[in-house]
PDB file of N, CA and C in Angstrom:
ATOM      1  N   MET A   1       0.830  -1.206   0.000  1.00  0.00           N
ATOM      2  CA  MET A   1       0.000   0.000   0.000  1.00  0.00           C
ATOM      3  C   MET A   1       0.867   1.260   0.000  1.00  0.00           C
ATOM      4  N   ALA A   2       1.886   1.266   0.837  1.00  0.00           N
ATOM      5  CA  ALA A   2       2.741   2.455   0.945  1.00  0.00           C
ATOM      6  C   ALA A   2       3.484   2.709  -0.360  1.00  0.00           C
ATOM      7  N   ALA A   3       3.983   1.651  -0.967  1.00  0.00           N
ATOM      8  CA  ALA A   3       4.768   1.798  -2.190  1.00  0.00           C
ATOM      9  C   ALA A   3       3.926   2.307  -3.357  1.00  0.00           C
ATOM     10  N   GLY A   4       2.607   2.183  -3.278  1.00  0.00           N
ATOM     11  CA  GLY A   4       1.722   2.633  -4.343  1.00  0.00           C
ATOM     12  C   GLY A   4       1.450   4.128  -4.334  1.00  0.00           C
ATOM     13  N   LEU A   5       1.895   4.822  -3.311  1.00  0.00           N
ATOM     14  CA  LEU A   5       1.691   6.271  -3.240  1.00  0.00           C
ATOM     15  C   LEU A   5       2.785   6.991  -4.026  1.00  0.00           C
ATOM     16  N   PRO A   6       2.515   8.215  -4.485  1.00  0.00           N
ATOM     17  CA  PRO A   6       3.486   8.930  -5.327  1.00  0.00           C
ATOM     18  C   PRO A   6       4.817   9.211  -4.624  1.00  0.00           C
ATOM     19  N   GLU A   7       5.887   9.030  -5.379  1.00  0.00           N
ATOM     20  CA  GLU A   7       7.246   9.392  -4.980  1.00  0.00           C
ATOM     21  C   GLU A   7       7.701   8.741  -3.680  1.00  0.00           C
ATOM     22  N   VAL A   8       7.271   7.509  -3.459  1.00  0.00           N
ATOM     23  CA  VAL A   8       7.673   6.769  -2.266  1.00  0.00           C
ATOM     24  C   VAL A   8       8.927   5.965  -2.560  1.00  0.00           C
ATOM     25  N   ALA A   9       9.844   6.003  -1.621  1.00  0.00           N
ATOM     26  CA  ALA A   9      11.050   5.181  -1.687  1.00  0.00           C
ATOM     27  C   ALA A   9      11.022   4.224  -0.508  1.00  0.00           C
ATOM     28  N   GLU A  10      11.355   2.980  -0.760  1.00  0.00           N
ATOM     29  CA  GLU A  10      11.437   1.998   0.313  1.00  0.00           C
ATOM     30  C   GLU A  10      12.894   1.803   0.668  1.00  0.00           C
ATOM     31  N   GLY A  11      13.176   1.766   1.939  1.00  0.00           N
ATOM     32  CA  GLY A  11      14.545   1.574   2.393  1.00  0.00           C
ATOM     33  C   GLY A  11      14.563   0.897   3.743  1.00  0.00           C
ATOM     34  N   VAL A  12      15.720   0.971   4.381  1.00  0.00           N
ATOM     35  CA  VAL A  12      15.893   0.385   5.705  1.00  0.00           C
ATOM     36  C   VAL A  12      16.407   1.465   6.637  1.00  0.00           C
ATOM     37  N   ARG A  13      15.774   1.569   7.788  1.00  0.00           N
ATOM     38  CA  ARG A  13      16.212   2.494   8.826  1.00  0.00           C
ATOM     39  C   ARG A  13      16.179   1.750  10.154  1.00  0.00           C
ATOM     40  N   HIS A  14      17.256   1.823  10.886  1.00  0.00           N
ATOM     41  CA  HIS A  14      17.370   1.113  12.165  1.00  0.00           C
ATOM     42  C   HIS A  14      17.111  -0.384  11.988  1.00  0.00           C
ATOM     43  N   GLY A  15      17.482  -0.912  10.833  1.00  0.00           N
ATOM     44  CA  GLY A  15      17.327  -2.334  10.566  1.00  0.00           C
ATOM     45  C   GLY A  15      15.934  -2.767  10.171  1.00  0.00           C
ATOM     46  N   ASN A  16      15.014  -1.823   9.996  1.00  0.00           N
ATOM     47  CA  ASN A  16      13.627  -2.159   9.664  1.00  0.00           C
ATOM     48  C   ASN A  16      13.198  -1.518   8.355  1.00  0.00           C
ATOM     49  N   ARG A  17      12.364  -2.233   7.627  1.00  0.00           N
ATOM     50  CA  ARG A  17      11.846  -1.709   6.367  1.00  0.00           C
ATOM     51  C   ARG A  17      11.057  -0.436   6.645  1.00  0.00           C
ATOM     52  N   THR A  18      11.339   0.589   5.840  1.00  0.00           N
ATOM     53  CA  THR A  18      10.757   1.918   6.053  1.00  0.00           C
ATOM     54  C   THR A  18      10.354   2.497   4.708  1.00  0.00           C
ATOM     55  N   TRP A  19       9.237   3.242   4.707  1.00  0.00           N
ATOM     56  CA  TRP A  19       8.771   3.916   3.494  1.00  0.00           C
ATOM     57  C   TRP A  19       8.906   5.421   3.706  1.00  0.00           C
ATOM     58  N   PHE A  20       9.497   6.077   2.712  1.00  0.00           N
ATOM     59  CA  PHE A  20       9.818   7.502   2.777  1.00  0.00           C
ATOM     60  C   PHE A  20       9.128   8.260   1.653  1.00  0.00           C
ATOM     61  N   VAL A  21       8.817   9.523   1.917  1.00  0.00           N
ATOM     62  CA  VAL A  21       8.416  10.464   0.883  1.00  0.00           C
ATOM     63  C   VAL A  21       9.218  11.736   1.153  1.00  0.00           C
ATOM     64  N   ALA A  22       9.867  12.253   0.139  1.00  0.00           N
ATOM     65  CA  ALA A  22      10.707  13.451   0.261  1.00  0.00           C
ATOM     66  C   ALA A  22      11.699  13.313   1.417  1.00  0.00           C
ATOM     67  N   GLY A  23      12.240  12.116   1.599  1.00  0.00           N
ATOM     68  CA  GLY A  23      13.242  11.880   2.614  1.00  0.00           C
ATOM     69  C   GLY A  23      12.707  11.700   4.026  1.00  0.00           C
ATOM     70  N   GLN A  24      11.404  11.776   4.204  1.00  0.00           N
ATOM     71  CA  GLN A  24      10.801  11.616   5.528  1.00  0.00           C
ATOM     72  C   GLN A  24      10.106  10.265   5.640  1.00  0.00           C
ATOM     73  N   ALA A  25      10.363   9.568   6.729  1.00  0.00           N
ATOM     74  CA  ALA A  25       9.708   8.287   6.979  1.00  0.00           C
ATOM     75  C   ALA A  25       8.259   8.539   7.365  1.00  0.00           C
ATOM     76  N   PHE A  26       7.357   7.834   6.718  1.00  0.00           N
ATOM     77  CA  PHE A  26       5.943   7.960   7.079  1.00  0.00           C
ATOM     78  C   PHE A  26       5.351   6.632   7.539  1.00  0.00           C
ATOM     79  N   ALA A  27       6.026   5.534   7.293  1.00  0.00           N
ATOM     80  CA  ALA A  27       5.589   4.216   7.770  1.00  0.00           C
ATOM     81  C   ALA A  27       6.822   3.326   7.887  1.00  0.00           C
ATOM     82  N   TRP A  28       6.841   2.506   8.933  1.00  0.00           N
ATOM     83  CA  TRP A  28       7.984   1.622   9.118  1.00  0.00           C
ATOM     84  C   TRP A  28       7.592   0.435   9.996  1.00  0.00           C
ATOM     85  N   GLU A  29       8.266  -0.691   9.729  1.00  0.00           N
ATOM     86  CA  GLU A  29       8.087  -1.856  10.576  1.00  0.00           C
ATOM     87  C   GLU A  29       8.627  -1.493  11.952  1.00  0.00           C
ATOM     88  N   ARG A  30       7.926  -1.915  13.013  1.00  0.00           N
ATOM     89  CA  ARG A  30       8.344  -1.495  14.356  1.00  0.00           C
ATOM     90  C   ARG A  30       8.233  -2.654  15.339  1.00  0.00           C
ATOM     91  N   PRO A  31       9.201  -3.593  15.296  1.00  0.00           N
ATOM     92  CA  PRO A  31       9.179  -4.643  16.318  1.00  0.00           C
ATOM     93  C   PRO A  31       9.468  -4.026  17.692  1.00  0.00           C
ATOM     94  N   PHE A  32       9.047  -4.699  18.735  1.00  0.00           N
ATOM     95  CA  PHE A  32       9.281  -4.195  20.087  1.00  0.00           C
ATOM     96  C   PHE A  32      10.726  -4.433  20.508  1.00  0.00           C
ATOM     97  N   SER A  33      11.315  -3.439  21.136  1.00  0.00           N
ATOM     98  CA  SER A  33      12.657  -3.584  21.706  1.00  0.00           C
ATOM     99  C   SER A  33      12.538  -4.286  23.062  1.00  0.00           C
ATOM    100  N   LYS A  34      13.665  -4.666  23.619  1.00  0.00           N
ATOM    101  CA  LYS A  34      13.655  -5.280  24.954  1.00  0.00           C
ATOM    102  C   LYS A  34      13.076  -4.294  25.969  1.00  0.00           C
ATOM    103  N   ALA A  35      13.413  -3.012  25.836  1.00  0.00           N
ATOM    104  CA  ALA A  35      12.872  -1.993  26.748  1.00  0.00           C
ATOM    105  C   ALA A  35      11.359  -1.881  26.599  1.00  0.00           C
ATOM    106  N   ASP A  36      10.865  -1.923  25.366  1.00  0.00           N
ATOM    107  CA  ASP A  36       9.414  -1.893  25.137  1.00  0.00           C
ATOM    108  C   ASP A  36       8.743  -3.059  25.851  1.00  0.00           C
ATOM    109  N   LEU A  37       9.307  -4.248  25.686  1.00  0.00           N
ATOM    110  CA  LEU A  37       8.721  -5.452  26.281  1.00  0.00           C
ATOM    111  C   LEU A  37       8.723  -5.364  27.809  1.00  0.00           C
ATOM    112  N   ARG A  38       9.782  -4.808  28.392  1.00  0.00           N
ATOM    113  CA  ARG A  38       9.819  -4.631  29.853  1.00  0.00           C
ATOM    114  C   ARG A  38       8.700  -3.698  30.307  1.00  0.00           C
ATOM    115  N   ARG A  39       8.414  -2.662  29.533  1.00  0.00           N
ATOM    116  CA  ARG A  39       7.372  -1.703  29.906  1.00  0.00           C
ATOM    117  C   ARG A  39       5.977  -2.324  29.922  1.00  0.00           C
ATOM    118  N   PHE A  40       5.789  -3.409  29.185  1.00  0.00           N
ATOM    119  CA  PHE A  40       4.497  -4.092  29.219  1.00  0.00           C
ATOM    120  C   PHE A  40       4.288  -4.809  30.544  1.00  0.00           C
ATOM    121  N   GLY A  41       5.378  -5.057  31.274  1.00  0.00           N
ATOM    122  CA  GLY A  41       5.277  -5.729  32.577  1.00  0.00           C
ATOM    123  C   GLY A  41       4.611  -7.083  32.421  1.00  0.00           C
ATOM    124  N   GLY A  42       3.576  -7.324  33.216  1.00  0.00           N
ATOM    125  CA  GLY A  42       2.856  -8.584  33.159  1.00  0.00           C
ATOM    126  C   GLY A  42       1.828  -8.650  32.048  1.00  0.00           C
ATOM    127  N   GLU A  43       1.603  -7.525  31.384  1.00  0.00           N
ATOM    128  CA  GLU A  43       0.633  -7.465  30.285  1.00  0.00           C
ATOM    129  C   GLU A  43       1.239  -8.086  29.027  1.00  0.00           C
ATOM    130  N   THR A  44       0.431  -8.817  28.290  1.00  0.00           N
ATOM    131  CA  THR A  44       0.901  -9.425  27.043  1.00  0.00           C
ATOM    132  C   THR A  44       0.936  -8.366  25.943  1.00  0.00           C
ATOM    133  N   PRO A  45       2.105  -8.170  25.318  1.00  0.00           N
ATOM    134  CA  PRO A  45       2.171  -7.177  24.235  1.00  0.00           C
ATOM    135  C   PRO A  45       1.424  -7.664  22.998  1.00  0.00           C
ATOM    136  N   PRO A  46       0.972  -6.737  22.160  1.00  0.00           N
ATOM    137  CA  PRO A  46       0.341  -7.138  20.900  1.00  0.00           C
ATOM    138  C   PRO A  46       1.284  -8.044  20.108  1.00  0.00           C
ATOM    139  N   ASP A  47       0.730  -9.065  19.483  1.00  0.00           N
ATOM    140  CA  ASP A  47       1.572 -10.004  18.750  1.00  0.00           C
ATOM    141  C   ASP A  47       1.531  -9.727  17.253  1.00  0.00           C
ATOM    142  N   GLY A  48       2.399 -10.428  16.565  1.00  0.00           N
ATOM    143  CA  GLY A  48       2.450 -10.319  15.112  1.00  0.00           C
ATOM    144  C   GLY A  48       3.183  -9.082  14.657  1.00  0.00           C
ATOM    145  N   PRO A  49       3.196  -8.869  13.356  1.00  0.00           N
ATOM    146  CA  PRO A  49       3.905  -7.709  12.823  1.00  0.00           C
ATOM    147  C   PRO A  49       3.229  -6.399  13.223  1.00  0.00           C
ATOM    148  N   ILE A  50       4.059  -5.419  13.540  1.00  0.00           N
ATOM    149  CA  ILE A  50       3.599  -4.101  13.951  1.00  0.00           C
ATOM    150  C   ILE A  50       4.137  -3.075  12.953  1.00  0.00           C
ATOM    151  N   LEU A  51       3.282  -2.164  12.552  1.00  0.00           N
ATOM    152  CA  LEU A  51       3.668  -1.086  11.657  1.00  0.00           C
ATOM    153  C   LEU A  51       3.475   0.234  12.391  1.00  0.00           C
ATOM    154  N   ALA A  52       4.455   1.112  12.321  1.00  0.00           N
ATOM    155  CA  ALA A  52       4.321   2.470  12.843  1.00  0.00           C
ATOM    156  C   ALA A  52       3.991   3.381  11.671  1.00  0.00           C
ATOM    157  N   VAL A  53       3.077   4.324  11.898  1.00  0.00           N
ATOM    158  CA  VAL A  53       2.662   5.247  10.842  1.00  0.00           C
ATOM    159  C   VAL A  53       2.543   6.648  11.438  1.00  0.00           C
ATOM    160  N   ARG A  54       3.097   7.610  10.735  1.00  0.00           N
ATOM    161  CA  ARG A  54       2.999   9.005  11.176  1.00  0.00           C
ATOM    162  C   ARG A  54       1.562   9.494  11.056  1.00  0.00           C
ATOM    163  N   VAL A  55       1.221  10.441  11.915  1.00  0.00           N
ATOM    164  CA  VAL A  55      -0.051  11.151  11.847  1.00  0.00           C
ATOM    165  C   VAL A  55       0.272  12.642  11.828  1.00  0.00           C
ATOM    166  N   GLU A  56      -0.707  13.450  11.490  1.00  0.00           N
ATOM    167  CA  GLU A  56      -0.493  14.889  11.330  1.00  0.00           C
ATOM    168  C   GLU A  56       0.041  15.547  12.606  1.00  0.00           C
ATOM    169  N   ASP A  57      -0.578  15.233  13.740  1.00  0.00           N
ATOM    170  CA  ASP A  57      -0.170  15.856  15.008  1.00  0.00           C
ATOM    171  C   ASP A  57      -0.717  15.014  16.156  1.00  0.00           C
ATOM    172  N   LEU A  58      -0.495  15.461  17.393  1.00  0.00           N
ATOM    173  CA  LEU A  58      -0.924  14.683  18.555  1.00  0.00           C
ATOM    174  C   LEU A  58      -2.439  14.630  18.708  1.00  0.00           C
ATOM    175  N   VAL A  59      -3.142  15.662  18.235  1.00  0.00           N
ATOM    176  CA  VAL A  59      -4.609  15.639  18.269  1.00  0.00           C
ATOM    177  C   VAL A  59      -5.116  14.541  17.332  1.00  0.00           C
ATOM    178  N   GLU A  60      -4.543  14.474  16.148  1.00  0.00           N
ATOM    179  CA  GLU A  60      -4.905  13.422  15.186  1.00  0.00           C
ATOM    180  C   GLU A  60      -4.571  12.043  15.753  1.00  0.00           C
ATOM    181  N   LYS A  61      -3.452  11.947  16.445  1.00  0.00           N
ATOM    182  CA  LYS A  61      -3.061  10.669  17.053  1.00  0.00           C
ATOM    183  C   LYS A  61      -4.149  10.182  18.005  1.00  0.00           C
ATOM    184  N   GLU A  62      -4.614  11.046  18.875  1.00  0.00           N
ATOM    185  CA  GLU A  62      -5.659  10.663  19.827  1.00  0.00           C
ATOM    186  C   GLU A  62      -6.942  10.257  19.110  1.00  0.00           C
ATOM    187  N   ALA A  63      -7.289  10.963  18.050  1.00  0.00           N
ATOM    188  CA  ALA A  63      -8.498  10.634  17.287  1.00  0.00           C
ATOM    189  C   ALA A  63      -8.368   9.263  16.624  1.00  0.00           C
ATOM    190  N   VAL A  64      -7.224   8.985  16.046  1.00  0.00           N
ATOM    191  CA  VAL A  64      -6.999   7.690  15.384  1.00  0.00           C
ATOM    192  C   VAL A  64      -7.045   6.560  16.406  1.00  0.00           C
ATOM    193  N   LEU A  65      -6.406   6.760  17.539  1.00  0.00           N
ATOM    194  CA  LEU A  65      -6.407   5.722  18.574  1.00  0.00           C
ATOM    195  C   LEU A  65      -7.825   5.448  19.075  1.00  0.00           C
ATOM    196  N   ALA A  66      -8.619   6.492  19.227  1.00  0.00           N
ATOM    197  CA  ALA A  66      -9.995   6.328  19.697  1.00  0.00           C
ATOM    198  C   ALA A  66     -10.873   5.647  18.652  1.00  0.00           C
ATOM    199  N   ALA A  67     -10.609   5.909  17.382  1.00  0.00           N
ATOM    200  CA  ALA A  67     -11.438   5.357  16.307  1.00  0.00           C
ATOM    201  C   ALA A  67     -11.166   3.882  16.042  1.00  0.00           C
ATOM    202  N   HIS A  68      -9.970   3.407  16.367  1.00  0.00           N
ATOM    203  CA  HIS A  68      -9.584   2.025  16.035  1.00  0.00           C
ATOM    204  C   HIS A  68      -8.897   1.349  17.217  1.00  0.00           C
ATOM    205  N   PRO A  69      -9.564   1.223  18.359  1.00  0.00           N
ATOM    206  CA  PRO A  69      -8.889   0.689  19.546  1.00  0.00           C
ATOM    207  C   PRO A  69      -8.471  -0.779  19.443  1.00  0.00           C
ATOM    208  N   GLY A  70      -9.047  -1.521  18.543  1.00  0.00           N
ATOM    209  CA  GLY A  70      -8.697  -2.935  18.428  1.00  0.00           C
ATOM    210  C   GLY A  70      -7.395  -3.202  17.717  1.00  0.00           C
ATOM    211  N   ALA A  71      -6.955  -2.285  16.873  1.00  0.00           N
ATOM    212  CA  ALA A  71      -5.764  -2.534  16.070  1.00  0.00           C
ATOM    213  C   ALA A  71      -4.709  -1.435  16.198  1.00  0.00           C
ATOM    214  N   PHE A  72      -5.124  -0.230  16.545  1.00  0.00           N
ATOM    215  CA  PHE A  72      -4.202   0.898  16.665  1.00  0.00           C
ATOM    216  C   PHE A  72      -3.879   1.106  18.141  1.00  0.00           C
ATOM    217  N   PHE A  73      -2.629   1.376  18.447  1.00  0.00           N
ATOM    218  CA  PHE A  73      -2.233   1.579  19.836  1.00  0.00           C
ATOM    219  C   PHE A  73      -0.964   2.422  19.877  1.00  0.00           C
ATOM    220  N   THR A  74      -0.500   2.695  21.069  1.00  0.00           N
ATOM    221  CA  THR A  74       0.751   3.407  21.259  1.00  0.00           C
ATOM    222  C   THR A  74       1.471   2.786  22.443  1.00  0.00           C
ATOM    223  N   ILE A  75       2.715   3.169  22.634  1.00  0.00           N
ATOM    224  CA  ILE A  75       3.526   2.703  23.763  1.00  0.00           C
ATOM    225  C   ILE A  75       4.241   3.921  24.335  1.00  0.00           C
ATOM    226  N   PRO A  76       4.753   3.817  25.550  1.00  0.00           N
ATOM    227  CA  PRO A  76       5.427   4.970  26.156  1.00  0.00           C
ATOM    228  C   PRO A  76       6.534   5.579  25.290  1.00  0.00           C
ATOM    229  N   HIS A  77       7.243   4.767  24.526  1.00  0.00           N
ATOM    230  CA  HIS A  77       8.299   5.283  23.654  1.00  0.00           C
ATOM    231  C   HIS A  77       7.761   6.317  22.656  1.00  0.00           C
ATOM    232  N   PHE A  78       6.484   6.232  22.319  1.00  0.00           N
ATOM    233  CA  PHE A  78       5.866   7.135  21.342  1.00  0.00           C
ATOM    234  C   PHE A  78       5.126   8.300  22.002  1.00  0.00           C
ATOM    235  N   ASP A  79       5.204   8.424  23.329  1.00  0.00           N
ATOM    236  CA  ASP A  79       4.570   9.556  24.000  1.00  0.00           C
ATOM    237  C   ASP A  79       5.127  10.868  23.455  1.00  0.00           C
ATOM    238  N   GLY A  80       4.240  11.777  23.083  1.00  0.00           N
ATOM    239  CA  GLY A  80       4.651  13.071  22.553  1.00  0.00           C
ATOM    240  C   GLY A  80       5.123  13.035  21.109  1.00  0.00           C
ATOM    241  N   TYR A  81       5.006  11.895  20.443  1.00  0.00           N
ATOM    242  CA  TYR A  81       5.445  11.739  19.050  1.00  0.00           C
ATOM    243  C   TYR A  81       4.226  11.457  18.183  1.00  0.00           C
ATOM    244  N   SER A  82       4.132  12.133  17.070  1.00  0.00           N
ATOM    245  CA  SER A  82       2.951  12.026  16.210  1.00  0.00           C
ATOM    246  C   SER A  82       3.028  10.796  15.294  1.00  0.00           C
ATOM    247  N   ALA A  83       2.833   9.634  15.905  1.00  0.00           N
ATOM    248  CA  ALA A  83       2.778   8.367  15.179  1.00  0.00           C
ATOM    249  C   ALA A  83       1.980   7.379  16.008  1.00  0.00           C
ATOM    250  N   VAL A  84       1.380   6.424  15.333  1.00  0.00           N
ATOM    251  CA  VAL A  84       0.648   5.349  15.989  1.00  0.00           C
ATOM    252  C   VAL A  84       1.245   4.014  15.570  1.00  0.00           C
ATOM    253  N   LEU A  85       0.954   2.997  16.342  1.00  0.00           N
ATOM    254  CA  LEU A  85       1.357   1.640  16.017  1.00  0.00           C
ATOM    255  C   LEU A  85       0.115   0.868  15.592  1.00  0.00           C
ATOM    256  N   ILE A  86       0.300  -0.035  14.656  1.00  0.00           N
ATOM    257  CA  ILE A  86      -0.824  -0.795  14.111  1.00  0.00           C
ATOM    258  C   ILE A  86      -0.478  -2.274  14.154  1.00  0.00           C
ATOM    259  N   GLN A  87      -1.355  -3.043  14.779  1.00  0.00           N
ATOM    260  CA  GLN A  87      -1.203  -4.486  14.811  1.00  0.00           C
ATOM    261  C   GLN A  87      -1.788  -5.021  13.499  1.00  0.00           C
ATOM    262  N   LEU A  88      -0.918  -5.406  12.588  1.00  0.00           N
ATOM    263  CA  LEU A  88      -1.349  -5.731  11.226  1.00  0.00           C
ATOM    264  C   LEU A  88      -2.333  -6.897  11.157  1.00  0.00           C
ATOM    265  N   ARG A  89      -2.258  -7.827  12.068  1.00  0.00           N
ATOM    266  CA  ARG A  89      -3.186  -8.974  12.038  1.00  0.00           C
ATOM    267  C   ARG A  89      -4.604  -8.584  12.434  1.00  0.00           C
ATOM    268  N   ARG A  90      -4.773  -7.404  13.028  1.00  0.00           N
ATOM    269  CA  ARG A  90      -6.089  -7.024  13.544  1.00  0.00           C
ATOM    270  C   ARG A  90      -6.730  -5.854  12.803  1.00  0.00           C
ATOM    271  N   VAL A  91      -5.988  -5.197  11.929  1.00  0.00           N
ATOM    272  CA  VAL A  91      -6.505  -3.991  11.284  1.00  0.00           C
ATOM    273  C   VAL A  91      -7.263  -4.333   9.999  1.00  0.00           C
ATOM    274  N   PRO A  92      -8.443  -3.758   9.826  1.00  0.00           N
ATOM    275  CA  PRO A  92      -9.141  -3.925   8.546  1.00  0.00           C
ATOM    276  C   PRO A  92      -8.346  -3.236   7.427  1.00  0.00           C
ATOM    277  N   ALA A  93      -8.398  -3.784   6.245  1.00  0.00           N
ATOM    278  CA  ALA A  93      -7.626  -3.256   5.114  1.00  0.00           C
ATOM    279  C   ALA A  93      -7.937  -1.781   4.851  1.00  0.00           C
ATOM    280  N   LYS A  94      -9.207  -1.401   4.934  1.00  0.00           N
ATOM    281  CA  LYS A  94      -9.580  -0.008   4.672  1.00  0.00           C
ATOM    282  C   LYS A  94      -8.936   0.933   5.690  1.00  0.00           C
ATOM    283  N   ALA A  95      -8.948   0.571   6.959  1.00  0.00           N
ATOM    284  CA  ALA A  95      -8.341   1.410   8.002  1.00  0.00           C
ATOM    285  C   ALA A  95      -6.832   1.494   7.821  1.00  0.00           C
ATOM    286  N   LEU A  96      -6.203   0.399   7.417  1.00  0.00           N
ATOM    287  CA  LEU A  96      -4.760   0.404   7.164  1.00  0.00           C
ATOM    288  C   LEU A  96      -4.431   1.320   5.991  1.00  0.00           C
ATOM    289  N   ARG A  97      -5.195   1.204   4.909  1.00  0.00           N
ATOM    290  CA  ARG A  97      -4.969   2.043   3.734  1.00  0.00           C
ATOM    291  C   ARG A  97      -5.119   3.522   4.087  1.00  0.00           C
ATOM    292  N   GLU A  98      -6.145   3.859   4.861  1.00  0.00           N
ATOM    293  CA  GLU A  98      -6.353   5.251   5.281  1.00  0.00           C
ATOM    294  C   GLU A  98      -5.206   5.748   6.154  1.00  0.00           C
ATOM    295  N   ALA A  99      -4.738   4.916   7.080  1.00  0.00           N
ATOM    296  CA  ALA A  99      -3.644   5.317   7.965  1.00  0.00           C
ATOM    297  C   ALA A  99      -2.355   5.553   7.183  1.00  0.00           C
ATOM    298  N   ILE A 100      -2.052   4.666   6.261  1.00  0.00           N
ATOM    299  CA  ILE A 100      -0.839   4.822   5.461  1.00  0.00           C
ATOM    300  C   ILE A 100      -0.939   6.064   4.590  1.00  0.00           C
ATOM    301  N   THR A 101      -2.085   6.276   3.970  1.00  0.00           N
ATOM    302  CA  THR A 101      -2.274   7.469   3.137  1.00  0.00           C
ATOM    303  C   THR A 101      -2.171   8.735   3.977  1.00  0.00           C
ATOM    304  N   ASP A 102      -2.793   8.737   5.147  1.00  0.00           N
ATOM    305  CA  ASP A 102      -2.712   9.911   6.021  1.00  0.00           C
ATOM    306  C   ASP A 102      -1.279  10.157   6.483  1.00  0.00           C
ATOM    307  N   GLY A 103      -0.536   9.090   6.750  1.00  0.00           N
ATOM    308  CA  GLY A 103       0.878   9.236   7.115  1.00  0.00           C
ATOM    309  C   GLY A 103       1.669   9.861   5.979  1.00  0.00           C
ATOM    310  N   TRP A 104       1.391   9.394   4.775  1.00  0.00           N
ATOM    311  CA  TRP A 104       2.054   9.955   3.595  1.00  0.00           C
ATOM    312  C   TRP A 104       1.706  11.441   3.458  1.00  0.00           C
ATOM    313  N   LEU A 105       0.431  11.780   3.620  1.00  0.00           N
ATOM    314  CA  LEU A 105      -0.001  13.179   3.516  1.00  0.00           C
ATOM    315  C   LEU A 105       0.659  14.056   4.579  1.00  0.00           C
ATOM    316  N   ALA A 106       0.898  13.492   5.756  1.00  0.00           N
ATOM    317  CA  ALA A 106       1.532  14.257   6.839  1.00  0.00           C
ATOM    318  C   ALA A 106       2.997  14.565   6.545  1.00  0.00           C
ATOM    319  N   CYS A 107       3.626  13.776   5.679  1.00  0.00           N
ATOM    320  CA  CYS A 107       5.067  13.929   5.430  1.00  0.00           C
ATOM    321  C   CYS A 107       5.414  14.440   4.036  1.00  0.00           C
ATOM    322  N   ALA A 108       4.505  14.318   3.095  1.00  0.00           N
ATOM    323  CA  ALA A 108       4.790  14.734   1.712  1.00  0.00           C
ATOM    324  C   ALA A 108       4.834  16.253   1.606  1.00  0.00           C
ATOM    325  N   PRO A 109       5.617  16.768   0.664  1.00  0.00           N
ATOM    326  CA  PRO A 109       5.652  18.214   0.441  1.00  0.00           C
ATOM    327  C   PRO A 109       4.274  18.742   0.028  1.00  0.00           C
ATOM    328  N   PRO A 110       3.956  19.978   0.383  1.00  0.00           N
ATOM    329  CA  PRO A 110       2.629  20.546   0.080  1.00  0.00           C
ATOM    330  C   PRO A 110       2.218  20.437  -1.384  1.00  0.00           C
ATOM    331  N   GLY A 111       3.120  20.703  -2.299  1.00  0.00           N
ATOM    332  CA  GLY A 111       2.772  20.627  -3.722  1.00  0.00           C
ATOM    333  C   GLY A 111       2.371  19.221  -4.132  1.00  0.00           C
ATOM    334  N   LEU A 112       3.067  18.239  -3.618  1.00  0.00           N
ATOM    335  CA  LEU A 112       2.756  16.846  -3.934  1.00  0.00           C
ATOM    336  C   LEU A 112       1.421  16.434  -3.318  1.00  0.00           C
ATOM    337  N   THR A 113       1.144  16.894  -2.101  1.00  0.00           N
ATOM    338  CA  THR A 113      -0.146  16.554  -1.489  1.00  0.00           C
ATOM    339  C   THR A 113      -1.294  17.198  -2.248  1.00  0.00           C
ATOM    340  N   ARG A 114      -1.103  18.453  -2.673  1.00  0.00           N
ATOM    341  CA  ARG A 114      -2.168  19.104  -3.475  1.00  0.00           C
ATOM    342  C   ARG A 114      -2.427  18.331  -4.748  1.00  0.00           C
ATOM    343  N   GLN A 115      -1.357  17.940  -5.422  1.00  0.00           N
ATOM    344  CA  GLN A 115      -1.481  17.203  -6.656  1.00  0.00           C
ATOM    345  C   GLN A 115      -2.209  15.866  -6.415  1.00  0.00           C
ATOM    346  N   TYR A 116      -1.866  15.166  -5.354  1.00  0.00           N
ATOM    347  CA  TYR A 116      -2.488  13.883  -5.025  1.00  0.00           C
ATOM    348  C   TYR A 116      -3.975  14.070  -4.703  1.00  0.00           C
ATOM    349  N   LEU A 117      -4.281  15.058  -3.897  1.00  0.00           N
ATOM    350  CA  LEU A 117      -5.679  15.278  -3.478  1.00  0.00           C
ATOM    351  C   LEU A 117      -6.561  15.800  -4.598  1.00  0.00           C
ATOM    352  N   SER A 118      -5.980  16.407  -5.615  1.00  0.00           N
ATOM    353  CA  SER A 118      -6.778  16.976  -6.714  1.00  0.00           C
ATOM    354  C   SER A 118      -7.098  15.942  -7.798  1.00  0.00           C
ATOM    355  N   ARG A 119      -6.565  14.795  -7.717  1.00  0.00           N
ATOM    356  CA  ARG A 119      -6.797  13.777  -8.771  1.00  0.00           C
ATOM    357  C   ARG A 119      -8.119  13.104  -8.627  1.00  0.00           C
TER     358      ARG A 119
END
């Protein structure tokens, strides 16, 4: 889905597959670090592949988390950062597509976003 958006480059950052637009990461694979797992304590962390996706701002982050509580979540490492985590095994395809597109829109240059939205 990410690679289908305009001017996207796929690469690796911090050892994980990452999708960029205009040099900015807007989606990336995000396995849990040992520190992340410790923060879960006795709680079972979400399983399966996890994708991190940028959002416009912290207000948008809260709205996205509230709209999709079954598949979208955050962890303390992301406090104050405009991105959400998505449990890929639990997210409906439409919600995933919207999140990736919104992440791309949050990072793409204004001219490119205008061009994309006007089509």
